[in-house]
Amino acid sequence: MTEPHQQRISDDDRHRTAEFLRQAAGDGRIDLEELDERLEAAYAAKVYADLVPLVADLPGAEPVVPPGMVVAPRPGFTPAAPIDAPTYSTSIAVLSGADRKGVWLVPPSHTAFTLMGGIDVDLREAVFTTPEVVINANAVMGGIDVIVNAWTRVTVEGIGILGAFEEGRAKVAPELGPSSPHVRVRGVALMGAVTVVRKPMPGEKRKRLRRASD
């Protein structure tokens, strides 16, 4: 019988660990650089033993690992200072473009406005400060793409006037659960487009191909 720590993990296990790490970063327990390193290791993990070192020094990590494995705090651990990730409450592009991507803190609401321009609001690696985030997206003769990952719940409530306000074709299947964050997208697209797209995590497809070849 395979020992618990040598059992193969699923994509859901990787996603759950990643969300746990983002929450730890939002609480100020790990800094931005360490969050990036741990996220990369989480998506490259193959068995539960690969995940344990990533969460062993963080309180409340027991749900991340299977029964039979004990996650003990690392000796001498002290909480890190609050992470230095940027916080953006607005994204504005007038005859230009704007991108929000990578690791950044998302407040309870974020306003995106474009006039004859383009905006990408990429939430795949973002740290949510609340379980639900409202994106107020308004596009006039321009485009706004709101990008979410597989395990983020989405509600699209906007209106298209001579334009489109919609959830686009997903690039990855939804993997929703009770702890999935919720993104509510509201606003108006006037002769423009607001599109919500579900995509894999950055680099995830490449890592999956590498794992498959191992």
N, C-alpha and C. Protein backbone atom coordinates (compact mmCIF):
# COMPACT_ATOMS: atom_id res chain seq x y z
N MET A 1 0.85 -1.20 0.00
CA MET A 1 0.00 0.00 0.00
C MET A 1 0.89 1.25 0.00
N THR A 2 0.57 2.20 -0.84
CA THR A 2 1.37 3.42 -0.95
C THR A 2 1.20 4.29 0.28
N GLU A 3 2.33 4.76 0.82
CA GLU A 3 2.27 5.65 1.97
C GLU A 3 1.59 6.96 1.57
N PRO A 4 0.87 7.62 2.53
CA PRO A 4 0.14 8.85 2.18
C PRO A 4 1.02 9.91 1.53
N HIS A 5 2.27 10.05 2.02
CA HIS A 5 3.10 11.12 1.48
C HIS A 5 3.61 10.83 0.07
N GLN A 6 3.48 9.57 -0.40
CA GLN A 6 3.91 9.21 -1.74
C GLN A 6 2.74 9.08 -2.72
N GLN A 7 1.55 9.40 -2.26
CA GLN A 7 0.38 9.33 -3.15
C GLN A 7 0.44 10.48 -4.16
N ARG A 8 0.04 10.19 -5.38
CA ARG A 8 0.01 11.19 -6.43
C ARG A 8 -1.06 12.24 -6.13
N ILE A 9 -0.76 13.49 -6.44
CA ILE A 9 -1.72 14.57 -6.20
C ILE A 9 -2.46 14.90 -7.49
N SER A 10 -3.59 15.55 -7.33
CA SER A 10 -4.41 15.96 -8.46
C SER A 10 -4.23 17.45 -8.72
N ASP A 11 -4.78 17.92 -9.83
CA ASP A 11 -4.75 19.35 -10.10
C ASP A 11 -5.51 20.12 -9.03
N ASP A 12 -6.58 19.51 -8.51
CA ASP A 12 -7.34 20.17 -7.44
C ASP A 12 -6.47 20.36 -6.21
N ASP A 13 -5.61 19.38 -5.89
CA ASP A 13 -4.69 19.52 -4.76
C ASP A 13 -3.72 20.68 -5.00
N ARG A 14 -3.22 20.79 -6.23
CA ARG A 14 -2.31 21.90 -6.55
C ARG A 14 -3.02 23.24 -6.42
N HIS A 15 -4.26 23.31 -6.95
CA HIS A 15 -5.01 24.56 -6.89
C HIS A 15 -5.32 24.93 -5.44
N ARG A 16 -5.71 23.96 -4.64
CA ARG A 16 -6.04 24.22 -3.24
C ARG A 16 -4.81 24.73 -2.48
N THR A 17 -3.65 24.13 -2.76
CA THR A 17 -2.42 24.59 -2.12
C THR A 17 -2.08 26.01 -2.56
N ALA A 18 -2.26 26.30 -3.86
CA ALA A 18 -1.97 27.64 -4.36
C ALA A 18 -2.87 28.68 -3.71
N GLU A 19 -4.15 28.37 -3.56
CA GLU A 19 -5.06 29.31 -2.91
C GLU A 19 -4.67 29.51 -1.46
N PHE A 20 -4.25 28.44 -0.78
CA PHE A 20 -3.82 28.55 0.61
C PHE A 20 -2.60 29.46 0.71
N LEU A 21 -1.66 29.32 -0.22
CA LEU A 21 -0.46 30.16 -0.21
C LEU A 21 -0.80 31.62 -0.49
N ARG A 22 -1.73 31.86 -1.40
CA ARG A 22 -2.13 33.25 -1.68
C ARG A 22 -2.78 33.88 -0.46
N GLN A 23 -3.58 33.09 0.25
CA GLN A 23 -4.21 33.61 1.46
C GLN A 23 -3.15 33.92 2.51
N ALA A 24 -2.14 33.05 2.62
CA ALA A 24 -1.05 33.30 3.56
C ALA A 24 -0.31 34.58 3.21
N ALA A 25 -0.13 34.83 1.90
CA ALA A 25 0.51 36.07 1.47
C ALA A 25 -0.35 37.27 1.81
N GLY A 26 -1.66 37.13 1.59
CA GLY A 26 -2.57 38.21 1.93
C GLY A 26 -2.57 38.53 3.41
N ASP A 27 -2.28 37.52 4.25
CA ASP A 27 -2.21 37.71 5.70
C ASP A 27 -0.85 38.23 6.14
N GLY A 28 0.09 38.36 5.22
CA GLY A 28 1.41 38.85 5.56
C GLY A 28 2.36 37.81 6.11
N ARG A 29 2.06 36.53 5.89
CA ARG A 29 2.91 35.47 6.44
C ARG A 29 4.10 35.13 5.55
N ILE A 30 3.95 35.34 4.25
CA ILE A 30 5.07 35.16 3.32
C ILE A 30 5.12 36.37 2.40
N ASP A 31 6.31 36.68 1.91
CA ASP A 31 6.45 37.86 1.06
C ASP A 31 6.24 37.51 -0.41
N LEU A 32 6.30 38.51 -1.24
CA LEU A 32 5.98 38.34 -2.66
C LEU A 32 6.93 37.38 -3.36
N GLU A 33 8.23 37.53 -3.11
CA GLU A 33 9.20 36.66 -3.77
C GLU A 33 9.00 35.20 -3.35
N GLU A 34 8.75 34.99 -2.05
CA GLU A 34 8.56 33.62 -1.57
C GLU A 34 7.26 33.04 -2.10
N LEU A 35 6.23 33.87 -2.24
CA LEU A 35 4.97 33.39 -2.80
C LEU A 35 5.19 32.88 -4.23
N ASP A 36 5.92 33.63 -5.04
CA ASP A 36 6.20 33.20 -6.41
C ASP A 36 6.92 31.85 -6.42
N GLU A 37 7.92 31.70 -5.55
CA GLU A 37 8.69 30.46 -5.50
C GLU A 37 7.81 29.28 -5.09
N ARG A 38 6.98 29.48 -4.09
CA ARG A 38 6.14 28.39 -3.60
C ARG A 38 5.04 28.02 -4.61
N LEU A 39 4.51 29.03 -5.30
CA LEU A 39 3.49 28.73 -6.31
C LEU A 39 4.09 27.89 -7.44
N GLU A 40 5.29 28.25 -7.87
CA GLU A 40 5.94 27.48 -8.94
C GLU A 40 6.18 26.04 -8.50
N ALA A 41 6.63 25.87 -7.26
CA ALA A 41 6.87 24.52 -6.74
C ALA A 41 5.56 23.75 -6.58
N ALA A 42 4.48 24.44 -6.21
CA ALA A 42 3.19 23.77 -6.04
C ALA A 42 2.68 23.20 -7.35
N TYR A 43 2.82 23.96 -8.44
CA TYR A 43 2.32 23.50 -9.73
C TYR A 43 3.23 22.44 -10.36
N ALA A 44 4.47 22.35 -9.86
CA ALA A 44 5.37 21.31 -10.36
C ALA A 44 5.33 20.05 -9.50
N ALA A 45 4.60 20.09 -8.37
CA ALA A 45 4.56 18.97 -7.44
C ALA A 45 3.90 17.74 -8.07
N LYS A 46 4.36 16.57 -7.65
CA LYS A 46 3.80 15.30 -8.15
C LYS A 46 3.13 14.49 -7.05
N VAL A 47 3.69 14.52 -5.82
CA VAL A 47 3.14 13.74 -4.70
C VAL A 47 2.96 14.69 -3.52
N TYR A 48 2.21 14.20 -2.50
CA TYR A 48 1.92 15.05 -1.35
C TYR A 48 3.20 15.48 -0.63
N ALA A 49 4.20 14.64 -0.64
CA ALA A 49 5.46 15.00 0.01
C ALA A 49 6.08 16.26 -0.60
N ASP A 50 5.77 16.54 -1.87
CA ASP A 50 6.28 17.75 -2.50
C ASP A 50 5.57 19.00 -1.98
N LEU A 51 4.33 18.84 -1.53
CA LEU A 51 3.55 19.98 -1.07
C LEU A 51 3.84 20.35 0.38
N VAL A 52 4.14 19.35 1.19
CA VAL A 52 4.27 19.58 2.63
C VAL A 52 5.28 20.68 2.97
N PRO A 53 6.50 20.68 2.38
CA PRO A 53 7.45 21.74 2.74
C PRO A 53 6.96 23.14 2.38
N LEU A 54 6.03 23.23 1.44
CA LEU A 54 5.55 24.54 1.01
C LEU A 54 4.59 25.16 2.01
N VAL A 55 3.98 24.34 2.88
CA VAL A 55 2.97 24.83 3.81
C VAL A 55 3.30 24.53 5.26
N ALA A 56 4.42 23.85 5.52
CA ALA A 56 4.71 23.36 6.86
C ALA A 56 4.87 24.47 7.88
N ASP A 57 5.29 25.66 7.46
CA ASP A 57 5.49 26.76 8.41
C ASP A 57 4.30 27.70 8.48
N LEU A 58 3.16 27.29 7.91
CA LEU A 58 1.98 28.14 7.88
C LEU A 58 0.85 27.52 8.70
N PRO A 59 0.25 28.26 9.62
CA PRO A 59 -0.85 27.69 10.42
C PRO A 59 -2.07 27.38 9.56
N GLY A 60 -2.80 26.33 9.94
CA GLY A 60 -4.03 25.97 9.24
C GLY A 60 -3.81 25.20 7.97
N ALA A 61 -2.64 24.54 7.82
CA ALA A 61 -2.32 23.85 6.57
C ALA A 61 -2.86 22.43 6.52
N GLU A 62 -3.47 21.95 7.59
CA GLU A 62 -3.89 20.55 7.63
C GLU A 62 -4.81 20.15 6.47
N PRO A 63 -5.77 20.99 6.03
CA PRO A 63 -6.64 20.58 4.92
C PRO A 63 -5.91 20.40 3.59
N VAL A 64 -4.69 20.93 3.48
CA VAL A 64 -3.96 20.86 2.22
C VAL A 64 -3.37 19.47 1.99
N VAL A 65 -3.09 18.74 3.06
CA VAL A 65 -2.44 17.43 2.94
C VAL A 65 -3.43 16.34 3.31
N PRO A 66 -3.19 15.09 2.87
CA PRO A 66 -4.14 14.00 3.10
C PRO A 66 -4.11 13.49 4.54
N PRO A 67 -5.14 12.73 4.97
CA PRO A 67 -5.13 12.13 6.29
C PRO A 67 -3.90 11.26 6.48
N GLY A 68 -3.36 11.29 7.69
CA GLY A 68 -2.17 10.49 7.97
C GLY A 68 -0.89 11.27 7.88
N MET A 69 -0.96 12.52 7.38
CA MET A 69 0.22 13.36 7.32
C MET A 69 0.05 14.51 8.30
N VAL A 70 1.08 14.79 9.07
CA VAL A 70 1.04 15.86 10.06
C VAL A 70 1.90 17.01 9.57
N VAL A 71 1.32 18.20 9.56
CA VAL A 71 2.07 19.38 9.16
C VAL A 71 2.45 20.14 10.42
N ALA A 72 3.72 20.13 10.77
CA ALA A 72 4.20 20.80 11.97
C ALA A 72 4.87 22.10 11.59
N PRO A 73 4.79 23.10 12.46
CA PRO A 73 5.48 24.36 12.15
C PRO A 73 6.98 24.16 12.06
N ARG A 74 7.62 24.90 11.20
CA ARG A 74 9.06 24.82 11.05
C ARG A 74 9.72 25.46 12.28
N PRO A 75 10.71 24.83 12.91
CA PRO A 75 11.36 25.40 14.09
C PRO A 75 11.92 26.79 13.80
N GLY A 76 11.68 27.70 14.73
CA GLY A 76 12.22 29.03 14.59
C GLY A 76 11.45 29.92 13.63
N PHE A 77 10.27 29.47 13.18
CA PHE A 77 9.51 30.26 12.20
C PHE A 77 8.96 31.53 12.84
N THR A 78 9.12 32.64 12.16
CA THR A 78 8.49 33.90 12.57
C THR A 78 7.77 34.48 11.38
N PRO A 79 6.57 35.04 11.56
CA PRO A 79 5.80 35.57 10.43
C PRO A 79 6.58 36.63 9.67
N ALA A 80 6.44 36.60 8.36
CA ALA A 80 7.11 37.60 7.52
C ALA A 80 6.38 38.92 7.57
N ALA A 81 7.05 39.96 7.15
CA ALA A 81 6.40 41.26 7.05
C ALA A 81 5.36 41.22 5.94
N PRO A 82 4.39 42.13 5.95
CA PRO A 82 3.38 42.15 4.88
C PRO A 82 4.04 42.18 3.51
N ILE A 83 3.44 41.47 2.56
CA ILE A 83 4.04 41.39 1.23
C ILE A 83 3.98 42.75 0.55
N ASP A 84 4.91 42.97 -0.37
CA ASP A 84 5.00 44.26 -1.04
C ASP A 84 4.34 44.24 -2.40
N ALA A 85 3.39 43.35 -2.58
CA ALA A 85 2.67 43.31 -3.85
C ALA A 85 1.85 44.58 -4.02
N PRO A 86 1.76 45.09 -5.25
CA PRO A 86 0.99 46.31 -5.47
C PRO A 86 -0.51 46.06 -5.33
N THR A 87 -1.22 47.11 -4.98
CA THR A 87 -2.69 47.08 -4.90
C THR A 87 -3.24 48.05 -5.93
N TYR A 88 -4.16 47.58 -6.76
CA TYR A 88 -4.76 48.45 -7.78
C TYR A 88 -6.26 48.48 -7.58
N SER A 89 -6.80 49.67 -7.42
CA SER A 89 -8.26 49.81 -7.31
C SER A 89 -8.86 50.27 -8.63
N THR A 90 -8.02 50.76 -9.55
CA THR A 90 -8.51 51.23 -10.85
C THR A 90 -7.55 50.83 -11.96
N SER A 91 -8.11 50.72 -13.17
CA SER A 91 -7.33 50.54 -14.40
C SER A 91 -7.97 51.43 -15.45
N ILE A 92 -7.22 52.38 -15.99
CA ILE A 92 -7.77 53.34 -16.95
C ILE A 92 -6.90 53.36 -18.20
N ALA A 93 -7.54 53.28 -19.36
CA ALA A 93 -6.81 53.34 -20.63
C ALA A 93 -7.61 54.19 -21.61
N VAL A 94 -7.09 55.35 -21.96
CA VAL A 94 -7.71 56.25 -22.94
C VAL A 94 -6.76 56.35 -24.13
N LEU A 95 -7.20 55.81 -25.26
CA LEU A 95 -6.34 55.75 -26.44
C LEU A 95 -5.01 55.07 -26.12
N SER A 96 -5.07 54.09 -25.23
CA SER A 96 -3.85 53.41 -24.80
C SER A 96 -4.22 52.05 -24.23
N GLY A 97 -3.28 51.42 -23.54
CA GLY A 97 -3.52 50.12 -22.95
C GLY A 97 -3.06 50.07 -21.51
N ALA A 98 -3.61 49.12 -20.75
CA ALA A 98 -3.21 48.93 -19.36
C ALA A 98 -3.34 47.45 -19.01
N ASP A 99 -2.37 46.94 -18.25
CA ASP A 99 -2.39 45.54 -17.83
C ASP A 99 -2.25 45.45 -16.32
N ARG A 100 -3.06 44.58 -15.73
CA ARG A 100 -2.89 44.20 -14.33
C ARG A 100 -2.67 42.69 -14.34
N LYS A 101 -1.48 42.26 -13.95
CA LYS A 101 -1.19 40.84 -14.02
C LYS A 101 -0.14 40.46 -13.00
N GLY A 102 0.11 39.16 -12.89
CA GLY A 102 1.06 38.68 -11.91
C GLY A 102 0.44 38.65 -10.52
N VAL A 103 1.29 38.76 -9.51
CA VAL A 103 0.82 38.76 -8.12
C VAL A 103 0.53 40.20 -7.71
N TRP A 104 -0.75 40.48 -7.42
CA TRP A 104 -1.15 41.80 -6.95
C TRP A 104 -2.35 41.65 -6.03
N LEU A 105 -2.51 42.59 -5.13
CA LEU A 105 -3.61 42.55 -4.17
C LEU A 105 -4.85 43.18 -4.79
N VAL A 106 -5.94 42.45 -4.77
CA VAL A 106 -7.20 42.94 -5.34
C VAL A 106 -8.10 43.41 -4.20
N PRO A 107 -8.49 44.67 -4.17
CA PRO A 107 -9.42 45.13 -3.14
C PRO A 107 -10.82 44.57 -3.40
N PRO A 108 -11.77 44.82 -2.51
CA PRO A 108 -13.13 44.29 -2.71
C PRO A 108 -13.76 44.70 -4.03
N SER A 109 -13.36 45.85 -4.56
CA SER A 109 -13.86 46.26 -5.88
C SER A 109 -12.73 46.91 -6.68
N HIS A 110 -12.79 46.69 -8.00
CA HIS A 110 -11.80 47.25 -8.91
C HIS A 110 -12.55 47.84 -10.10
N THR A 111 -12.21 49.05 -10.47
CA THR A 111 -12.88 49.74 -11.58
C THR A 111 -11.95 49.82 -12.78
N ALA A 112 -12.43 49.33 -13.91
CA ALA A 112 -11.66 49.39 -15.16
C ALA A 112 -12.47 50.20 -16.17
N PHE A 113 -11.82 51.21 -16.77
CA PHE A 113 -12.49 52.04 -17.79
C PHE A 113 -11.55 52.24 -18.96
N THR A 114 -12.07 52.04 -20.16
CA THR A 114 -11.28 52.31 -21.35
C THR A 114 -12.11 53.05 -22.39
N LEU A 115 -11.46 54.02 -23.03
CA LEU A 115 -12.04 54.75 -24.14
C LEU A 115 -11.10 54.59 -25.32
N MET A 116 -11.53 53.80 -26.30
CA MET A 116 -10.73 53.53 -27.48
C MET A 116 -9.35 52.99 -27.09
N GLY A 117 -9.36 52.09 -26.13
CA GLY A 117 -8.12 51.47 -25.68
C GLY A 117 -8.37 50.03 -25.27
N GLY A 118 -7.44 49.44 -24.54
CA GLY A 118 -7.58 48.05 -24.12
C GLY A 118 -7.00 47.83 -22.73
N ILE A 119 -7.67 46.97 -21.96
CA ILE A 119 -7.24 46.66 -20.60
C ILE A 119 -7.32 45.16 -20.38
N ASP A 120 -6.29 44.60 -19.77
CA ASP A 120 -6.31 43.22 -19.30
C ASP A 120 -6.28 43.24 -17.78
N VAL A 121 -7.31 42.67 -17.16
CA VAL A 121 -7.34 42.52 -15.70
C VAL A 121 -7.15 41.03 -15.43
N ASP A 122 -5.91 40.63 -15.18
CA ASP A 122 -5.57 39.22 -15.01
C ASP A 122 -5.58 38.89 -13.52
N LEU A 123 -6.54 38.06 -13.12
CA LEU A 123 -6.73 37.71 -11.71
C LEU A 123 -6.18 36.33 -11.36
N ARG A 124 -5.51 35.68 -12.28
CA ARG A 124 -5.10 34.28 -12.06
C ARG A 124 -4.10 34.14 -10.91
N GLU A 125 -3.19 35.07 -10.76
CA GLU A 125 -2.20 35.00 -9.68
C GLU A 125 -2.45 36.05 -8.60
N ALA A 126 -3.56 36.73 -8.69
CA ALA A 126 -3.86 37.81 -7.74
C ALA A 126 -4.22 37.25 -6.37
N VAL A 127 -3.99 38.06 -5.35
CA VAL A 127 -4.36 37.72 -3.97
C VAL A 127 -5.61 38.50 -3.63
N PHE A 128 -6.72 37.79 -3.41
CA PHE A 128 -7.98 38.44 -3.09
C PHE A 128 -7.99 38.80 -1.60
N THR A 129 -8.46 39.99 -1.29
CA THR A 129 -8.57 40.40 0.11
C THR A 129 -9.95 40.07 0.69
N THR A 130 -10.89 39.68 -0.17
CA THR A 130 -12.22 39.27 0.27
C THR A 130 -12.66 38.08 -0.58
N PRO A 131 -13.59 37.25 -0.06
CA PRO A 131 -14.04 36.09 -0.84
C PRO A 131 -14.72 36.46 -2.14
N GLU A 132 -15.32 37.66 -2.20
CA GLU A 132 -15.96 38.11 -3.43
C GLU A 132 -15.37 39.44 -3.86
N VAL A 133 -15.07 39.54 -5.15
CA VAL A 133 -14.52 40.76 -5.74
C VAL A 133 -15.45 41.23 -6.84
N VAL A 134 -15.72 42.52 -6.88
CA VAL A 134 -16.54 43.12 -7.93
C VAL A 134 -15.64 43.90 -8.87
N ILE A 135 -15.70 43.54 -10.16
CA ILE A 135 -14.97 44.27 -11.20
C ILE A 135 -15.98 45.12 -11.95
N ASN A 136 -15.87 46.44 -11.81
CA ASN A 136 -16.72 47.36 -12.55
C ASN A 136 -16.01 47.71 -13.85
N ALA A 137 -16.45 47.09 -14.94
CA ALA A 137 -15.77 47.22 -16.22
C ALA A 137 -16.64 47.99 -17.20
N ASN A 138 -16.13 49.11 -17.69
CA ASN A 138 -16.85 49.94 -18.65
C ASN A 138 -15.95 50.24 -19.83
N ALA A 139 -16.41 49.87 -21.03
CA ALA A 139 -15.60 50.04 -22.24
C ALA A 139 -16.39 50.84 -23.27
N VAL A 140 -15.78 51.91 -23.77
CA VAL A 140 -16.39 52.73 -24.83
C VAL A 140 -15.47 52.65 -26.04
N MET A 141 -15.95 51.97 -27.07
CA MET A 141 -15.16 51.77 -28.29
C MET A 141 -13.78 51.20 -27.97
N GLY A 142 -13.74 50.32 -27.00
CA GLY A 142 -12.50 49.68 -26.60
C GLY A 142 -12.79 48.29 -26.06
N GLY A 143 -11.80 47.65 -25.46
CA GLY A 143 -11.98 46.30 -24.97
C GLY A 143 -11.36 46.08 -23.60
N ILE A 144 -12.05 45.29 -22.78
CA ILE A 144 -11.54 44.90 -21.47
C ILE A 144 -11.64 43.39 -21.36
N ASP A 145 -10.53 42.74 -21.06
CA ASP A 145 -10.51 41.30 -20.80
C ASP A 145 -10.26 41.07 -19.32
N VAL A 146 -11.19 40.35 -18.68
CA VAL A 146 -11.02 39.94 -17.30
C VAL A 146 -10.66 38.45 -17.33
N ILE A 147 -9.49 38.10 -16.83
CA ILE A 147 -8.96 36.74 -16.95
C ILE A 147 -8.96 36.07 -15.58
N VAL A 148 -9.58 34.90 -15.50
CA VAL A 148 -9.64 34.16 -14.24
C VAL A 148 -9.08 32.76 -14.46
N ASN A 149 -8.79 32.09 -13.35
CA ASN A 149 -8.26 30.72 -13.43
C ASN A 149 -9.37 29.69 -13.33
N ALA A 150 -9.01 28.42 -13.29
CA ALA A 150 -10.00 27.35 -13.35
C ALA A 150 -10.91 27.30 -12.14
N TRP A 151 -10.40 27.71 -10.96
CA TRP A 151 -11.16 27.50 -9.73
C TRP A 151 -11.80 28.78 -9.18
N THR A 152 -11.94 29.78 -10.04
CA THR A 152 -12.61 31.02 -9.65
C THR A 152 -14.04 31.04 -10.20
N ARG A 153 -14.98 31.30 -9.32
CA ARG A 153 -16.38 31.40 -9.74
C ARG A 153 -16.64 32.78 -10.34
N VAL A 154 -17.41 32.83 -11.43
CA VAL A 154 -17.61 34.08 -12.15
C VAL A 154 -19.10 34.33 -12.37
N THR A 155 -19.52 35.57 -12.17
CA THR A 155 -20.87 36.02 -12.52
C THR A 155 -20.74 37.26 -13.39
N VAL A 156 -21.31 37.20 -14.58
CA VAL A 156 -21.25 38.33 -15.53
C VAL A 156 -22.60 39.03 -15.54
N GLU A 157 -22.60 40.31 -15.17
CA GLU A 157 -23.86 41.05 -15.02
C GLU A 157 -23.91 42.32 -15.86
N GLY A 158 -23.00 42.49 -16.80
CA GLY A 158 -22.94 43.72 -17.56
C GLY A 158 -23.88 43.75 -18.76
N ILE A 159 -23.87 44.87 -19.44
CA ILE A 159 -24.75 45.11 -20.59
C ILE A 159 -23.90 45.55 -21.78
N GLY A 160 -24.19 44.99 -22.95
CA GLY A 160 -23.54 45.42 -24.17
C GLY A 160 -24.48 46.26 -25.01
N ILE A 161 -24.05 47.46 -25.38
CA ILE A 161 -24.85 48.35 -26.23
C ILE A 161 -24.08 48.55 -27.53
N LEU A 162 -24.59 47.97 -28.59
CA LEU A 162 -23.85 47.92 -29.86
C LEU A 162 -22.46 47.33 -29.62
N GLY A 163 -22.40 46.43 -28.67
CA GLY A 163 -21.15 45.79 -28.32
C GLY A 163 -21.42 44.47 -27.61
N ALA A 164 -20.44 43.94 -26.91
CA ALA A 164 -20.58 42.64 -26.25
C ALA A 164 -20.08 42.72 -24.81
N PHE A 165 -20.86 42.14 -23.91
CA PHE A 165 -20.48 42.01 -22.50
C PHE A 165 -20.77 40.57 -22.14
N GLU A 166 -19.73 39.71 -22.10
CA GLU A 166 -20.00 38.28 -22.05
C GLU A 166 -18.84 37.49 -21.45
N GLU A 167 -19.13 36.24 -21.17
CA GLU A 167 -18.10 35.29 -20.77
C GLU A 167 -17.67 34.55 -22.03
N GLY A 168 -16.40 34.67 -22.37
CA GLY A 168 -15.89 34.07 -23.58
C GLY A 168 -15.64 32.58 -23.44
N ARG A 169 -15.20 31.98 -24.50
CA ARG A 169 -14.92 30.55 -24.50
C ARG A 169 -13.76 30.22 -23.57
N ALA A 170 -13.99 29.30 -22.66
CA ALA A 170 -12.98 28.95 -21.66
C ALA A 170 -11.83 28.20 -22.30
N LYS A 171 -10.61 28.51 -21.86
CA LYS A 171 -9.41 27.81 -22.31
C LYS A 171 -9.06 26.64 -21.39
N VAL A 172 -9.76 26.55 -20.25
CA VAL A 172 -9.56 25.47 -19.30
C VAL A 172 -10.89 25.19 -18.62
N ALA A 173 -11.14 23.94 -18.29
CA ALA A 173 -12.42 23.56 -17.68
C ALA A 173 -12.51 24.11 -16.25
N PRO A 174 -13.70 24.56 -15.82
CA PRO A 174 -13.86 25.04 -14.44
C PRO A 174 -13.63 23.91 -13.45
N GLU A 175 -12.99 24.24 -12.33
CA GLU A 175 -12.76 23.30 -11.24
C GLU A 175 -13.18 23.99 -9.95
N LEU A 176 -14.48 24.17 -9.79
CA LEU A 176 -15.02 24.97 -8.70
C LEU A 176 -15.26 24.13 -7.46
N GLY A 177 -15.12 24.77 -6.30
CA GLY A 177 -15.34 24.10 -5.03
C GLY A 177 -15.91 25.08 -4.02
N PRO A 178 -16.18 24.61 -2.80
CA PRO A 178 -16.77 25.48 -1.76
C PRO A 178 -15.90 26.68 -1.42
N SER A 179 -14.59 26.56 -1.57
CA SER A 179 -13.70 27.66 -1.21
C SER A 179 -13.32 28.53 -2.40
N SER A 180 -13.95 28.31 -3.54
CA SER A 180 -13.61 29.10 -4.73
C SER A 180 -13.95 30.57 -4.52
N PRO A 181 -13.03 31.48 -4.83
CA PRO A 181 -13.36 32.91 -4.77
C PRO A 181 -14.38 33.25 -5.85
N HIS A 182 -15.09 34.35 -5.66
CA HIS A 182 -16.16 34.74 -6.57
C HIS A 182 -15.82 36.10 -7.17
N VAL A 183 -15.83 36.17 -8.49
CA VAL A 183 -15.62 37.43 -9.21
C VAL A 183 -16.91 37.82 -9.90
N ARG A 184 -17.42 38.98 -9.55
CA ARG A 184 -18.66 39.50 -10.15
C ARG A 184 -18.30 40.66 -11.08
N VAL A 185 -18.58 40.52 -12.36
CA VAL A 185 -18.19 41.53 -13.36
C VAL A 185 -19.43 42.31 -13.78
N ARG A 186 -19.38 43.62 -13.56
CA ARG A 186 -20.51 44.50 -13.88
C ARG A 186 -20.04 45.63 -14.78
N GLY A 187 -21.01 46.28 -15.45
CA GLY A 187 -20.66 47.45 -16.24
C GLY A 187 -21.36 47.49 -17.58
N VAL A 188 -20.79 48.31 -18.49
CA VAL A 188 -21.38 48.54 -19.80
C VAL A 188 -20.29 48.52 -20.87
N ALA A 189 -20.60 47.89 -21.99
CA ALA A 189 -19.74 47.95 -23.16
C ALA A 189 -20.49 48.68 -24.26
N LEU A 190 -20.06 49.91 -24.56
CA LEU A 190 -20.70 50.74 -25.58
C LEU A 190 -19.83 50.73 -26.83
N MET A 191 -20.33 50.08 -27.85
CA MET A 191 -19.56 49.92 -29.09
C MET A 191 -18.16 49.36 -28.79
N GLY A 192 -18.12 48.50 -27.82
CA GLY A 192 -16.86 47.87 -27.43
C GLY A 192 -17.14 46.48 -26.88
N ALA A 193 -16.22 45.94 -26.11
CA ALA A 193 -16.39 44.58 -25.60
C ALA A 193 -15.75 44.43 -24.22
N VAL A 194 -16.49 43.77 -23.35
CA VAL A 194 -15.96 43.32 -22.06
C VAL A 194 -16.10 41.80 -22.07
N THR A 195 -14.99 41.10 -21.95
CA THR A 195 -15.00 39.65 -22.05
C THR A 195 -14.31 39.04 -20.84
N VAL A 196 -14.98 38.06 -20.24
CA VAL A 196 -14.39 37.30 -19.14
C VAL A 196 -13.89 35.97 -19.71
N VAL A 197 -12.62 35.67 -19.52
CA VAL A 197 -12.01 34.48 -20.10
C VAL A 197 -11.39 33.63 -18.99
N ARG A 198 -11.67 32.34 -19.02
CA ARG A 198 -11.07 31.41 -18.06
C ARG A 198 -9.87 30.74 -18.74
N LYS A 199 -8.69 30.92 -18.15
CA LYS A 199 -7.45 30.39 -18.74
C LYS A 199 -6.64 29.60 -17.71
N PRO A 200 -5.72 28.74 -18.18
CA PRO A 200 -4.82 28.05 -17.25
C PRO A 200 -3.92 29.06 -16.55
N MET A 201 -3.33 28.63 -15.43
CA MET A 201 -2.35 29.47 -14.76
C MET A 201 -1.16 29.72 -15.69
N PRO A 202 -0.49 30.86 -15.57
CA PRO A 202 0.69 31.12 -16.40
C PRO A 202 1.73 30.01 -16.24
N GLY A 203 2.13 29.43 -17.36
CA GLY A 203 3.11 28.36 -17.35
C GLY A 203 2.56 26.99 -17.02
N GLU A 204 1.26 26.90 -16.70
CA GLU A 204 0.71 25.61 -16.28
C GLU A 204 0.71 24.59 -17.41
N LYS A 205 0.38 25.00 -18.62
CA LYS A 205 0.34 24.06 -19.74
C LYS A 205 1.73 23.50 -19.99
N ARG A 206 2.73 24.37 -19.94
CA ARG A 206 4.11 23.92 -20.16
C ARG A 206 4.53 22.92 -19.09
N LYS A 207 4.15 23.19 -17.83
CA LYS A 207 4.52 22.30 -16.73
C LYS A 207 3.81 20.97 -16.86
N ARG A 208 2.56 20.99 -17.30
CA ARG A 208 1.83 19.73 -17.48
C ARG A 208 2.49 18.88 -18.55
N LEU A 209 2.92 19.53 -19.62
CA LEU A 209 3.60 18.78 -20.68
C LEU A 209 4.91 18.20 -20.16
N ARG A 210 5.62 18.95 -19.31
CA ARG A 210 6.86 18.46 -18.77
C ARG A 210 6.61 17.29 -17.83
N ARG A 211 5.56 17.37 -17.01
CA ARG A 211 5.23 16.28 -16.11
C ARG A 211 4.86 15.03 -16.89
N ALA A 212 4.13 15.22 -17.99
CA ALA A 212 3.70 14.08 -18.80
C ALA A 212 4.90 13.36 -19.43
N SER A 213 5.98 14.10 -19.69
CA SER A 213 7.15 13.49 -20.32
C SER A 213 8.11 12.86 -19.33
N ASP A 214 7.88 13.15 -18.02
CA ASP A 214 8.77 12.57 -17.00
C ASP A 214 8.59 11.06 -16.87
